Amino acid sequence: MKLKSILAKTPLKRWLKKDPVVAVVPLHGVIASGGGKLRGEQLNLMGLADTLNDAFETKGLVAVALSVNSPGGSPVQSALIAARIRQLADEKKVPVYAFAEDVMASGGYWLGCCADEIYADQNSVVGSIGVISAGFGFTGLMEKIGVERRTYAAGENKSKLDPFSPEKESDVEWLKKLQTEIHENFKTYVKERRGDRLKKRKDKELFSGDVWTGSKAVELGLIDGLGDVRSFMREKYGEKVKLQLLEGRKSWLQKTLGLGSQSVVSETVQSVVGAAKAEAEWNKYGL
């Protein structure tokens, strides 16, 4: 019997013919420079760098899928993460697909735009292409309870937007200028990445900071279609495609003790301090 015929009847041929692999990178949580855990890990480039490198080094890789569930957060970290993904995709010549879960909004949508194509569930919340800054003013409360604010600074602009001092119109104008510049950068990025797929090129509608369901986002050209990662990949690469979920690396000590990327004390402090802010980000979308 010929060797070719023997190989065709043995498991060796099946072993040699490897199934296509799609690396799935979860991008879940608020985008922020710090660590901490609240509704999942916070997203930042430092925490994701190793995971992204691993994703694009996966054996048998045919594509990378981004599973996005984020209400946004830091515009800087959003841009850094998106840029790193594009760098790796271009270097490895691997297509990237983004899939929205509950929310792909604000910085979350920035992350989605780094993909070659974007998909969502019909009920996903997509968009929020805008910039927001929120805070509190305590001047009335301080006066009521008899607390005196004492601030000493070198530099006339060091105490801008101090929540314990009366709000100044000049400070608000300064903040709005910053927001406008960041908003313009966001709009430019979306236009560059989505191109002619933006079916309604009306800044007032697309870039108002509003959000839409997945179905409406398709009409606006913000995403390419409706679908989930498993169904899409099986249709594109066949039923034997393997989805390989990648998660952040942890040291042996972290795995053994069940720790995150920071110490227990630091983790607790971060969670308490950031709780209200993170919850506010999610609550904007009813979650």
C-alpha atoms as a PDB file:
ATOM      1  CA  MET A   1       0.000   0.000   0.000  1.00  0.00           C
ATOM      2  CA  LYS A   2       1.355   3.438  -0.892  1.00  0.00           C
ATOM      3  CA  LEU A   3       2.446   5.772   1.905  1.00  0.00           C
ATOM      4  CA  LYS A   4       0.002   8.465   0.724  1.00  0.00           C
ATOM      5  CA  SER A   5      -2.877   6.005   0.994  1.00  0.00           C
ATOM      6  CA  ILE A   6      -1.783   4.913   4.475  1.00  0.00           C
ATOM      7  CA  LEU A   7      -1.577   8.496   5.737  1.00  0.00           C
ATOM      8  CA  ALA A   8      -5.042   9.230   4.388  1.00  0.00           C
ATOM      9  CA  LYS A   9      -6.485   6.460   6.580  1.00  0.00           C
ATOM     10  CA  THR A  10      -4.681   7.387   9.802  1.00  0.00           C
ATOM     11  CA  PRO A  11      -5.132  10.156  12.365  1.00  0.00           C
ATOM     12  CA  LEU A  12      -1.765  11.618  11.298  1.00  0.00           C
ATOM     13  CA  LYS A  13      -3.291  13.546   8.419  1.00  0.00           C
ATOM     14  CA  ARG A  14      -5.911  15.009  10.705  1.00  0.00           C
ATOM     15  CA  TRP A  15      -3.163  15.927  13.172  1.00  0.00           C
ATOM     16  CA  LEU A  16      -1.123  17.652  10.484  1.00  0.00           C
ATOM     17  CA  LYS A  17      -4.128  19.664   9.282  1.00  0.00           C
ATOM     18  CA  LYS A  18      -4.695  22.065  12.158  1.00  0.00           C
ATOM     19  CA  ASP A  19      -7.991  23.849  12.669  1.00  0.00           C
ATOM     20  CA  PRO A  20      -8.015  27.662  12.323  1.00  0.00           C
ATOM     21  CA  VAL A  21      -7.730  29.567  15.597  1.00  0.00           C
ATOM     22  CA  VAL A  22      -9.285  32.895  16.575  1.00  0.00           C
ATOM     23  CA  ALA A  23      -7.846  34.634  19.633  1.00  0.00           C
ATOM     24  CA  VAL A  24     -10.606  36.286  21.670  1.00  0.00           C
ATOM     25  CA  VAL A  25      -9.517  39.251  23.799  1.00  0.00           C
ATOM     26  CA  PRO A  26     -12.059  40.444  26.400  1.00  0.00           C
ATOM     27  CA  LEU A  27     -12.128  44.225  26.788  1.00  0.00           C
ATOM     28  CA  HIS A  28     -14.581  44.457  29.661  1.00  0.00           C
ATOM     29  CA  GLY A  29     -14.821  47.289  32.161  1.00  0.00           C
ATOM     30  CA  VAL A  30     -14.179  50.972  32.656  1.00  0.00           C
ATOM     31  CA  ILE A  31     -11.117  52.329  30.837  1.00  0.00           C
ATOM     32  CA  ALA A  32      -8.786  53.895  33.399  1.00  0.00           C
ATOM     33  CA  SER A  33      -5.084  54.284  34.085  1.00  0.00           C
ATOM     34  CA  GLY A  34      -5.240  52.625  37.498  1.00  0.00           C
ATOM     35  CA  GLY A  35      -5.929  49.042  38.480  1.00  0.00           C
ATOM     36  CA  GLY A  36      -8.705  47.811  40.700  1.00  0.00           C
ATOM     37  CA  LYS A  37     -11.727  45.603  40.302  1.00  0.00           C
ATOM     38  CA  LEU A  38     -15.277  46.822  39.953  1.00  0.00           C
ATOM     39  CA  ARG A  39     -17.509  45.053  37.476  1.00  0.00           C
ATOM     40  CA  GLY A  40     -14.390  43.365  36.130  1.00  0.00           C
ATOM     41  CA  GLU A  41     -10.876  44.616  35.523  1.00  0.00           C
ATOM     42  CA  GLN A  42     -10.275  48.188  34.565  1.00  0.00           C
ATOM     43  CA  LEU A  43      -8.772  48.527  31.112  1.00  0.00           C
ATOM     44  CA  ASN A  44      -5.427  50.166  30.427  1.00  0.00           C
ATOM     45  CA  LEU A  45      -2.472  49.499  28.156  1.00  0.00           C
ATOM     46  CA  MET A  46      -0.148  48.359  30.933  1.00  0.00           C
ATOM     47  CA  GLY A  47      -2.598  45.693  32.035  1.00  0.00           C
ATOM     48  CA  LEU A  48      -3.400  44.551  28.484  1.00  0.00           C
ATOM     49  CA  ALA A  49       0.021  44.670  26.796  1.00  0.00           C
ATOM     50  CA  ASP A  50       0.991  41.054  27.501  1.00  0.00           C
ATOM     51  CA  THR A  51      -2.463  39.738  26.630  1.00  0.00           C
ATOM     52  CA  LEU A  52      -2.456  41.557  23.298  1.00  0.00           C
ATOM     53  CA  ASN A  53       1.020  40.267  22.450  1.00  0.00           C
ATOM     54  CA  ASP A  54      -0.062  36.722  23.318  1.00  0.00           C
ATOM     55  CA  ALA A  55      -3.173  37.066  21.167  1.00  0.00           C
ATOM     56  CA  PHE A  56      -1.208  37.930  18.036  1.00  0.00           C
ATOM     57  CA  GLU A  57       1.361  35.187  18.741  1.00  0.00           C
ATOM     58  CA  THR A  58      -1.278  32.441  18.942  1.00  0.00           C
ATOM     59  CA  LYS A  59      -0.416  29.371  16.866  1.00  0.00           C
ATOM     60  CA  GLY A  60      -2.676  28.780  13.895  1.00  0.00           C
ATOM     61  CA  LEU A  61      -4.074  32.314  14.223  1.00  0.00           C
ATOM     62  CA  VAL A  62      -6.420  33.491  11.474  1.00  0.00           C
ATOM     63  CA  ALA A  63      -8.036  36.454  13.264  1.00  0.00           C
ATOM     64  CA  VAL A  64      -8.304  38.326  16.550  1.00  0.00           C
ATOM     65  CA  ALA A  65     -11.726  39.030  18.046  1.00  0.00           C
ATOM     66  CA  LEU A  66     -12.264  41.840  20.552  1.00  0.00           C
ATOM     67  CA  SER A  67     -15.138  41.219  22.937  1.00  0.00           C
ATOM     68  CA  VAL A  68     -16.020  44.758  24.025  1.00  0.00           C
ATOM     69  CA  ASN A  69     -18.223  45.565  26.989  1.00  0.00           C
ATOM     70  CA  SER A  70     -17.211  49.012  28.171  1.00  0.00           C
ATOM     71  CA  PRO A  71     -18.927  52.343  28.924  1.00  0.00           C
ATOM     72  CA  GLY A  72     -15.663  54.156  28.238  1.00  0.00           C
ATOM     73  CA  GLY A  73     -13.404  56.162  30.500  1.00  0.00           C
ATOM     74  CA  SER A  74      -9.943  57.573  29.867  1.00  0.00           C
ATOM     75  CA  PRO A  75      -9.503  58.906  26.307  1.00  0.00           C
ATOM     76  CA  VAL A  76      -5.736  58.500  26.634  1.00  0.00           C
ATOM     77  CA  GLN A  77      -5.907  54.819  27.552  1.00  0.00           C
ATOM     78  CA  SER A  78      -8.552  54.247  24.869  1.00  0.00           C
ATOM     79  CA  ALA A  79      -6.210  55.688  22.246  1.00  0.00           C
ATOM     80  CA  LEU A  80      -3.173  53.796  23.552  1.00  0.00           C
ATOM     81  CA  ILE A  81      -4.929  50.428  23.583  1.00  0.00           C
ATOM     82  CA  ALA A  82      -6.438  50.959  20.138  1.00  0.00           C
ATOM     83  CA  ALA A  83      -3.074  52.038  18.706  1.00  0.00           C
ATOM     84  CA  ARG A  84      -1.312  48.973  20.117  1.00  0.00           C
ATOM     85  CA  ILE A  85      -3.912  46.640  18.631  1.00  0.00           C
ATOM     86  CA  ARG A  86      -3.530  48.292  15.211  1.00  0.00           C
ATOM     87  CA  GLN A  87       0.256  48.084  15.406  1.00  0.00           C
ATOM     88  CA  LEU A  88       0.149  44.359  16.133  1.00  0.00           C
ATOM     89  CA  ALA A  89      -2.514  43.709  13.498  1.00  0.00           C
ATOM     90  CA  ASP A  90      -0.495  45.482  10.822  1.00  0.00           C
ATOM     91  CA  GLU A  91       2.760  43.795  11.832  1.00  0.00           C
ATOM     92  CA  LYS A  92       1.245  40.304  11.846  1.00  0.00           C
ATOM     93  CA  LYS A  93      -1.114  41.006   8.946  1.00  0.00           C
ATOM     94  CA  VAL A  94      -4.021  39.556  10.927  1.00  0.00           C
ATOM     95  CA  PRO A  95      -7.616  40.856  10.657  1.00  0.00           C
ATOM     96  CA  VAL A  96      -9.292  42.178  13.787  1.00  0.00           C
ATOM     97  CA  TYR A  97     -13.034  42.018  14.463  1.00  0.00           C
ATOM     98  CA  ALA A  98     -14.833  43.746  17.347  1.00  0.00           C
ATOM     99  CA  PHE A  99     -18.038  42.460  18.934  1.00  0.00           C
ATOM    100  CA  ALA A 100     -20.122  44.627  21.261  1.00  0.00           C
ATOM    101  CA  GLU A 101     -21.824  42.976  24.191  1.00  0.00           C
ATOM    102  CA  ASP A 102     -24.057  45.143  26.425  1.00  0.00           C
ATOM    103  CA  VAL A 103     -22.216  48.412  25.859  1.00  0.00           C
ATOM    104  CA  MET A 104     -19.663  49.725  23.365  1.00  0.00           C
ATOM    105  CA  ALA A 105     -19.835  53.416  24.181  1.00  0.00           C
ATOM    106  CA  SER A 106     -17.509  56.420  24.368  1.00  0.00           C
ATOM    107  CA  GLY A 107     -13.992  55.009  24.911  1.00  0.00           C
ATOM    108  CA  GLY A 108     -15.477  51.549  24.407  1.00  0.00           C
ATOM    109  CA  TYR A 109     -16.477  52.568  20.894  1.00  0.00           C
ATOM    110  CA  TRP A 110     -12.983  54.017  20.376  1.00  0.00           C
ATOM    111  CA  LEU A 111     -11.664  50.517  21.085  1.00  0.00           C
ATOM    112  CA  GLY A 112     -14.173  49.000  18.678  1.00  0.00           C
ATOM    113  CA  CYS A 113     -13.060  51.340  15.908  1.00  0.00           C
ATOM    114  CA  CYS A 114      -9.540  49.900  15.918  1.00  0.00           C
ATOM    115  CA  ALA A 115     -11.002  46.708  14.435  1.00  0.00           C
ATOM    116  CA  ASP A 116     -11.407  46.129  10.708  1.00  0.00           C
ATOM    117  CA  GLU A 117     -15.094  45.386  11.226  1.00  0.00           C
ATOM    118  CA  ILE A 118     -17.513  45.897  14.127  1.00  0.00           C
ATOM    119  CA  TYR A 119     -20.543  43.776  15.043  1.00  0.00           C
ATOM    120  CA  ALA A 120     -23.090  43.950  17.843  1.00  0.00           C
ATOM    121  CA  ASP A 121     -26.276  42.454  19.201  1.00  0.00           C
ATOM    122  CA  GLN A 122     -29.416  44.250  18.070  1.00  0.00           C
ATOM    123  CA  ASN A 123     -29.925  45.407  21.662  1.00  0.00           C
ATOM    124  CA  SER A 124     -26.337  46.497  22.339  1.00  0.00           C
ATOM    125  CA  VAL A 125     -25.784  50.148  23.249  1.00  0.00           C
ATOM    126  CA  VAL A 126     -23.364  51.751  20.789  1.00  0.00           C
ATOM    127  CA  GLY A 127     -21.956  55.243  20.308  1.00  0.00           C
ATOM    128  CA  SER A 128     -21.560  58.106  22.800  1.00  0.00           C
ATOM    129  CA  ILE A 129     -18.926  59.829  20.670  1.00  0.00           C
ATOM    130  CA  GLY A 130     -18.334  62.742  22.991  1.00  0.00           C
ATOM    131  CA  VAL A 131     -16.386  63.945  26.023  1.00  0.00           C
ATOM    132  CA  ILE A 132     -17.697  64.529  29.525  1.00  0.00           C
ATOM    133  CA  SER A 133     -16.304  65.737  32.819  1.00  0.00           C
ATOM    134  CA  ALA A 134     -18.343  65.582  36.020  1.00  0.00           C
ATOM    135  CA  GLY A 135     -17.677  66.633  39.577  1.00  0.00           C
ATOM    136  CA  PHE A 136     -19.151  68.209  42.700  1.00  0.00           C
ATOM    137  CA  GLY A 137     -19.051  71.603  44.378  1.00  0.00           C
ATOM    138  CA  PHE A 138     -18.941  71.729  48.173  1.00  0.00           C
ATOM    139  CA  THR A 139     -18.759  75.459  48.840  1.00  0.00           C
ATOM    140  CA  GLY A 140     -22.310  75.737  50.203  1.00  0.00           C
ATOM    141  CA  LEU A 141     -21.872  72.730  52.468  1.00  0.00           C
ATOM    142  CA  MET A 142     -18.557  74.006  53.822  1.00  0.00           C
ATOM    143  CA  GLU A 143     -20.078  77.356  54.663  1.00  0.00           C
ATOM    144  CA  LYS A 144     -23.007  75.683  56.381  1.00  0.00           C
ATOM    145  CA  ILE A 145     -20.874  73.503  58.638  1.00  0.00           C
ATOM    146  CA  GLY A 146     -18.277  76.202  59.227  1.00  0.00           C
ATOM    147  CA  VAL A 147     -15.306  74.741  57.393  1.00  0.00           C
ATOM    148  CA  GLU A 148     -12.715  77.144  55.981  1.00  0.00           C
ATOM    149  CA  ARG A 149     -10.840  76.201  52.786  1.00  0.00           C
ATOM    150  CA  ARG A 150      -7.126  77.067  52.771  1.00  0.00           C
ATOM    151  CA  THR A 151      -5.215  76.616  49.513  1.00  0.00           C
ATOM    152  CA  TYR A 152      -1.639  77.689  48.797  1.00  0.00           C
ATOM    153  CA  ALA A 153      -0.226  77.360  45.285  1.00  0.00           C
ATOM    154  CA  ALA A 154       2.636  78.662  43.174  1.00  0.00           C
ATOM    155  CA  GLY A 155       1.241  79.321  39.736  1.00  0.00           C
ATOM    156  CA  GLU A 156      -2.008  81.142  39.071  1.00  0.00           C
ATOM    157  CA  ASN A 157      -3.657  78.170  37.366  1.00  0.00           C
ATOM    158  CA  LYS A 158      -2.721  75.414  39.829  1.00  0.00           C
ATOM    159  CA  SER A 159      -6.077  75.490  41.630  1.00  0.00           C
ATOM    160  CA  LYS A 160      -8.393  75.405  38.617  1.00  0.00           C
ATOM    161  CA  LEU A 161     -11.793  73.766  39.169  1.00  0.00           C
ATOM    162  CA  ASP A 162     -11.160  73.268  42.883  1.00  0.00           C
ATOM    163  CA  PRO A 163     -14.402  71.622  44.134  1.00  0.00           C
ATOM    164  CA  PHE A 164     -14.018  73.376  47.513  1.00  0.00           C
ATOM    165  CA  SER A 165     -13.843  76.856  45.977  1.00  0.00           C
ATOM    166  CA  PRO A 166     -16.463  78.886  44.072  1.00  0.00           C
ATOM    167  CA  GLU A 167     -16.574  77.986  40.385  1.00  0.00           C
ATOM    168  CA  LYS A 168     -14.884  80.447  38.049  1.00  0.00           C
ATOM    169  CA  GLU A 169     -16.199  81.119  34.553  1.00  0.00           C
ATOM    170  CA  SER A 170     -12.632  81.228  33.204  1.00  0.00           C
ATOM    171  CA  ASP A 171     -11.975  77.731  34.580  1.00  0.00           C
ATOM    172  CA  VAL A 172     -15.110  76.379  32.900  1.00  0.00           C
ATOM    173  CA  GLU A 173     -14.113  77.916  29.577  1.00  0.00           C
ATOM    174  CA  TRP A 174     -10.663  76.342  29.887  1.00  0.00           C
ATOM    175  CA  LEU A 175     -12.178  72.921  30.562  1.00  0.00           C
ATOM    176  CA  LYS A 176     -14.547  73.217  27.599  1.00  0.00           C
ATOM    177  CA  LYS A 177     -11.622  74.018  25.302  1.00  0.00           C
ATOM    178  CA  LEU A 178      -9.870  70.845  26.429  1.00  0.00           C
ATOM    179  CA  GLN A 179     -13.026  68.823  25.910  1.00  0.00           C
ATOM    180  CA  THR A 180     -13.541  70.282  22.437  1.00  0.00           C
ATOM    181  CA  GLU A 181     -10.003  69.364  21.399  1.00  0.00           C
ATOM    182  CA  ILE A 182     -10.355  65.795  22.676  1.00  0.00           C
ATOM    183  CA  HIS A 183     -13.765  65.525  21.013  1.00  0.00           C
ATOM    184  CA  GLU A 184     -12.251  66.606  17.694  1.00  0.00           C
ATOM    185  CA  ASN A 185      -9.568  63.935  18.052  1.00  0.00           C
ATOM    186  CA  PHE A 186     -12.271  61.345  18.739  1.00  0.00           C
ATOM    187  CA  LYS A 187     -14.305  62.402  15.702  1.00  0.00           C
ATOM    188  CA  THR A 188     -11.231  62.364  13.474  1.00  0.00           C
ATOM    189  CA  TYR A 189     -10.374  58.833  14.588  1.00  0.00           C
ATOM    190  CA  VAL A 190     -13.896  57.552  13.934  1.00  0.00           C
ATOM    191  CA  LYS A 191     -13.948  59.135  10.477  1.00  0.00           C
ATOM    192  CA  GLU A 192     -10.538  57.688   9.611  1.00  0.00           C
ATOM    193  CA  ARG A 193     -11.435  54.185  10.754  1.00  0.00           C
ATOM    194  CA  ARG A 194     -15.020  54.018   9.483  1.00  0.00           C
ATOM    195  CA  GLY A 195     -14.525  56.040   6.305  1.00  0.00           C
ATOM    196  CA  ASP A 196     -17.307  55.755   3.729  1.00  0.00           C
ATOM    197  CA  ARG A 197     -19.159  53.287   5.923  1.00  0.00           C
ATOM    198  CA  LEU A 198     -20.551  56.256   7.876  1.00  0.00           C
ATOM    199  CA  LYS A 199     -23.797  56.503   5.946  1.00  0.00           C
ATOM    200  CA  LYS A 200     -24.897  59.784   7.528  1.00  0.00           C
ATOM    201  CA  ARG A 201     -22.017  62.207   7.660  1.00  0.00           C
ATOM    202  CA  LYS A 202     -23.754  64.695   9.920  1.00  0.00           C
ATOM    203  CA  ASP A 203     -21.599  65.690  12.850  1.00  0.00           C
ATOM    204  CA  LYS A 204     -24.605  66.915  14.779  1.00  0.00           C
ATOM    205  CA  GLU A 205     -26.164  63.450  14.761  1.00  0.00           C
ATOM    206  CA  LEU A 206     -23.222  61.056  14.861  1.00  0.00           C
ATOM    207  CA  PHE A 207     -20.975  63.047  17.154  1.00  0.00           C
ATOM    208  CA  SER A 208     -23.524  64.488  19.557  1.00  0.00           C
ATOM    209  CA  GLY A 209     -22.638  62.038  22.324  1.00  0.00           C
ATOM    210  CA  ASP A 210     -25.894  60.142  21.781  1.00  0.00           C
ATOM    211  CA  VAL A 211     -26.152  56.338  21.823  1.00  0.00           C
ATOM    212  CA  TRP A 212     -28.122  53.883  19.693  1.00  0.00           C
ATOM    213  CA  THR A 213     -29.093  50.231  19.656  1.00  0.00           C
ATOM    214  CA  GLY A 214     -27.075  47.846  17.531  1.00  0.00           C
ATOM    215  CA  SER A 215     -29.762  47.845  14.843  1.00  0.00           C
ATOM    216  CA  LYS A 216     -29.700  51.641  14.546  1.00  0.00           C
ATOM    217  CA  ALA A 217     -25.901  51.696  14.655  1.00  0.00           C
ATOM    218  CA  VAL A 218     -25.877  49.534  11.508  1.00  0.00           C
ATOM    219  CA  GLU A 219     -28.059  52.089   9.715  1.00  0.00           C
ATOM    220  CA  LEU A 220     -25.726  54.899  10.738  1.00  0.00           C
ATOM    221  CA  GLY A 221     -22.655  52.983   9.631  1.00  0.00           C
ATOM    222  CA  LEU A 222     -21.151  52.982  13.111  1.00  0.00           C
ATOM    223  CA  ILE A 223     -20.944  49.183  12.944  1.00  0.00           C
ATOM    224  CA  ASP A 224     -20.907  46.670  10.087  1.00  0.00           C
ATOM    225  CA  GLY A 225     -23.669  44.309  11.116  1.00  0.00           C
ATOM    226  CA  LEU A 226     -25.408  42.268  13.792  1.00  0.00           C
ATOM    227  CA  GLY A 227     -23.851  39.101  15.128  1.00  0.00           C
ATOM    228  CA  ASP A 228     -21.908  37.362  17.887  1.00  0.00           C
ATOM    229  CA  VAL A 229     -18.314  36.182  17.818  1.00  0.00           C
ATOM    230  CA  ARG A 230     -18.985  32.414  17.687  1.00  0.00           C
ATOM    231  CA  SER A 231     -21.587  32.500  14.928  1.00  0.00           C
ATOM    232  CA  PHE A 232     -19.593  34.996  12.874  1.00  0.00           C
ATOM    233  CA  MET A 233     -16.325  33.065  13.107  1.00  0.00           C
ATOM    234  CA  ARG A 234     -17.957  29.719  12.308  1.00  0.00           C
ATOM    235  CA  GLU A 235     -19.552  31.211   9.227  1.00  0.00           C
ATOM    236  CA  LYS A 236     -16.314  32.872   8.112  1.00  0.00           C
ATOM    237  CA  TYR A 237     -13.746  30.174   8.951  1.00  0.00           C
ATOM    238  CA  GLY A 238     -15.814  27.012   9.163  1.00  0.00           C
ATOM    239  CA  GLU A 239     -17.374  24.969  11.936  1.00  0.00           C
ATOM    240  CA  LYS A 240     -14.003  23.631  13.102  1.00  0.00           C
ATOM    241  CA  VAL A 241     -12.673  27.069  13.991  1.00  0.00           C
ATOM    242  CA  LYS A 242     -11.373  27.258  17.556  1.00  0.00           C
ATOM    243  CA  LEU A 243     -12.005  30.281  19.750  1.00  0.00           C
ATOM    244  CA  GLN A 244      -9.154  30.758  22.200  1.00  0.00           C
ATOM    245  CA  LEU A 245     -10.007  33.107  25.060  1.00  0.00           C
ATOM    246  CA  LEU A 246      -7.043  35.107  26.353  1.00  0.00           C
ATOM    247  CA  GLU A 247      -6.948  36.538  29.840  1.00  0.00           C
ATOM    248  CA  GLY A 248      -4.411  38.728  31.598  1.00  0.00           C
ATOM    249  CA  ARG A 249      -1.246  37.113  32.909  1.00  0.00           C
ATOM    250  CA  LYS A 250      -0.759  36.687  36.633  1.00  0.00           C
ATOM    251  CA  SER A 251       2.361  35.786  38.558  1.00  0.00           C
ATOM    252  CA  TRP A 252       2.595  32.513  40.507  1.00  0.00           C
ATOM    253  CA  LEU A 253       2.047  34.399  43.773  1.00  0.00           C
ATOM    254  CA  GLN A 254      -1.006  36.200  42.421  1.00  0.00           C
ATOM    255  CA  LYS A 255      -2.492  32.938  41.181  1.00  0.00           C
ATOM    256  CA  THR A 256      -1.760  31.161  44.469  1.00  0.00           C
ATOM    257  CA  LEU A 257      -3.186  33.875  46.696  1.00  0.00           C
ATOM    258  CA  GLY A 258      -5.932  34.930  44.307  1.00  0.00           C
ATOM    259  CA  LEU A 259      -4.600  38.454  44.024  1.00  0.00           C
ATOM    260  CA  GLY A 260      -5.070  40.897  41.179  1.00  0.00           C
ATOM    261  CA  SER A 261      -2.340  43.090  39.757  1.00  0.00           C
ATOM    262  CA  GLN A 262      -2.082  45.107  42.994  1.00  0.00           C
ATOM    263  CA  SER A 263      -1.766  44.361  46.687  1.00  0.00           C
ATOM    264  CA  VAL A 264      -4.889  43.686  48.733  1.00  0.00           C
ATOM    265  CA  VAL A 265      -4.662  47.047  50.507  1.00  0.00           C
ATOM    266  CA  SER A 266      -4.101  48.995  47.297  1.00  0.00           C
ATOM    267  CA  GLU A 267      -6.875  47.056  45.577  1.00  0.00           C
ATOM    268  CA  THR A 268      -9.330  47.880  48.358  1.00  0.00           C
ATOM    269  CA  VAL A 269      -8.466  51.570  48.388  1.00  0.00           C
ATOM    270  CA  GLN A 270      -8.756  51.793  44.603  1.00  0.00           C
ATOM    271  CA  SER A 271     -12.152  50.102  44.658  1.00  0.00           C
ATOM    272  CA  VAL A 272     -13.548  52.394  47.351  1.00  0.00           C
ATOM    273  CA  VAL A 273     -12.232  55.589  45.761  1.00  0.00           C
ATOM    274  CA  GLY A 274     -13.294  54.660  42.236  1.00  0.00           C
ATOM    275  CA  ALA A 275     -16.624  53.027  43.049  1.00  0.00           C
ATOM    276  CA  ALA A 276     -18.884  56.036  42.524  1.00  0.00           C
ATOM    277  CA  LYS A 277     -17.156  57.058  39.302  1.00  0.00           C
ATOM    278  CA  ALA A 278     -17.198  53.580  37.788  1.00  0.00           C
ATOM    279  CA  GLU A 279     -20.816  52.961  38.726  1.00  0.00           C
ATOM    280  CA  ALA A 280     -21.782  56.298  37.202  1.00  0.00           C
ATOM    281  CA  GLU A 281     -20.181  55.271  33.909  1.00  0.00           C
ATOM    282  CA  TRP A 282     -22.262  52.074  33.761  1.00  0.00           C
ATOM    283  CA  ASN A 283     -25.447  53.640  35.106  1.00  0.00           C
ATOM    284  CA  LYS A 284     -25.563  56.076  32.197  1.00  0.00           C
ATOM    285  CA  TYR A 285     -26.646  53.094  30.108  1.00  0.00           C
ATOM    286  CA  GLY A 286     -29.049  51.596  32.639  1.00  0.00           C
ATOM    287  CA  LEU A 287     -26.613  48.896  33.817  1.00  0.00           C
END
